[in-house]
Protein backbone atom coordinates (compact mmCIF):
# COMPACT_ATOMS: atom_id res chain seq x y z
CA MET A 1 56.24 -7.72 34.36
CA TYR A 2 59.61 -7.26 33.33
CA VAL A 3 61.87 -4.71 35.38
CA SER A 4 65.53 -4.16 34.03
CA LYS A 5 69.09 -5.30 35.67
CA LYS A 6 69.85 -1.35 36.15
CA SER A 7 66.64 -0.77 37.73
CA LYS A 8 66.40 -4.11 40.00
CA ASN A 9 69.76 -2.49 41.62
CA ILE A 10 69.35 0.99 42.16
CA SER A 11 65.91 0.31 43.41
CA LEU A 12 68.64 -3.03 45.71
CA ALA A 13 70.45 0.19 46.50
CA THR A 14 67.68 2.72 47.43
CA GLY A 15 66.15 0.11 50.08
CA LEU A 16 69.75 -1.03 51.48
CA ALA A 17 70.44 3.10 52.11
CA LEU A 18 66.57 2.90 53.28
CA ALA A 19 67.27 0.48 55.67
CA VAL A 20 71.07 1.54 57.28
CA GLY A 21 69.59 4.93 57.56
CA VAL A 22 66.92 3.52 59.62
CA VAL A 23 68.04 1.08 61.67
CA ALA A 24 71.56 3.20 62.15
CA PRO A 25 69.89 6.00 64.68
CA ALA A 26 67.61 3.24 65.98
CA SER A 27 70.49 1.30 67.36
CA ALA A 28 72.41 4.42 68.44
CA THR A 29 69.04 5.12 71.14
CA LEU A 30 69.38 1.69 73.14
CA ASN A 31 68.66 1.03 76.04
CA SER A 32 71.84 -1.05 78.31
CA GLY A 33 69.32 -3.48 78.55
CA VAL A 34 68.54 -3.78 75.34
CA ALA A 35 71.97 -4.44 74.26
CA THR A 36 72.97 -6.36 77.50
CA ALA A 37 70.26 -8.72 76.37
CA PHE A 38 71.42 -8.78 72.00
CA THR A 39 75.13 -9.40 74.15
CA SER A 40 73.54 -12.39 75.23
CA LEU A 41 71.55 -13.39 72.14
CA GLN A 42 74.90 -13.19 70.02
CA THR A 43 76.81 -15.22 73.29
CA ASP A 44 73.83 -18.36 72.47
CA GLY A 45 73.72 -18.27 69.58
CA LEU A 46 77.87 -19.01 69.00
CA ALA A 47 77.78 -21.80 71.14
CA LEU A 48 75.00 -23.30 69.52
CA VAL A 49 77.33 -23.07 66.65
CA ASP A 50 80.35 -24.35 68.54
CA LEU A 51 77.36 -27.13 69.39
CA ALA A 52 77.25 -27.76 65.78
CA TRP A 53 80.40 -27.78 64.04
CA PRO A 54 81.37 -31.76 65.50
CA VAL A 55 77.52 -32.65 64.13
CA VAL A 56 77.93 -31.57 60.20
CA THR A 57 81.33 -33.14 60.74
CA ALA A 58 80.06 -36.28 61.31
CA LEU A 59 77.87 -35.92 58.96
CA THR A 60 80.03 -34.79 56.33
CA VAL A 61 82.41 -38.16 57.06
CA ALA A 62 79.53 -39.93 57.44
CA PHE A 63 77.77 -39.34 53.65
CA ILE A 64 81.83 -39.78 52.38
CA ILE A 65 81.86 -43.21 53.72
CA ILE A 66 78.56 -43.81 52.25
CA GLY A 67 79.34 -42.45 48.47
CA LEU A 68 82.55 -44.48 48.82
CA PHE A 69 81.06 -47.81 49.65
CA LYS A 70 78.29 -46.70 46.64
CA LYS A 71 81.29 -47.03 44.54
CA ALA A 72 83.42 -49.94 46.04
CA ALA A 73 79.56 -51.34 46.00
CA ALA A 74 78.55 -50.86 42.62
CA LYS A 75 83.05 -52.04 40.83
CA ALA A 76 82.22 -55.84 42.33
CA VAL A 77 78.75 -56.11 41.15
């Protein structure tokens, strides 16, 4: 079934508008315990991201070194 790009955009915009319309009032009525839990979750998530950066950096450097090694080995043969 073919759906035109224009109708996809309209349905996407409608879905986003409905989601915002439902989420905004719901988040306004959160009690303090839920707000504290979300703040704690955000803090833990940011801590995990901080822990992941050294690993990502090390992997990136390792792949660059492997690529350079492959180039050098190909020229040597």
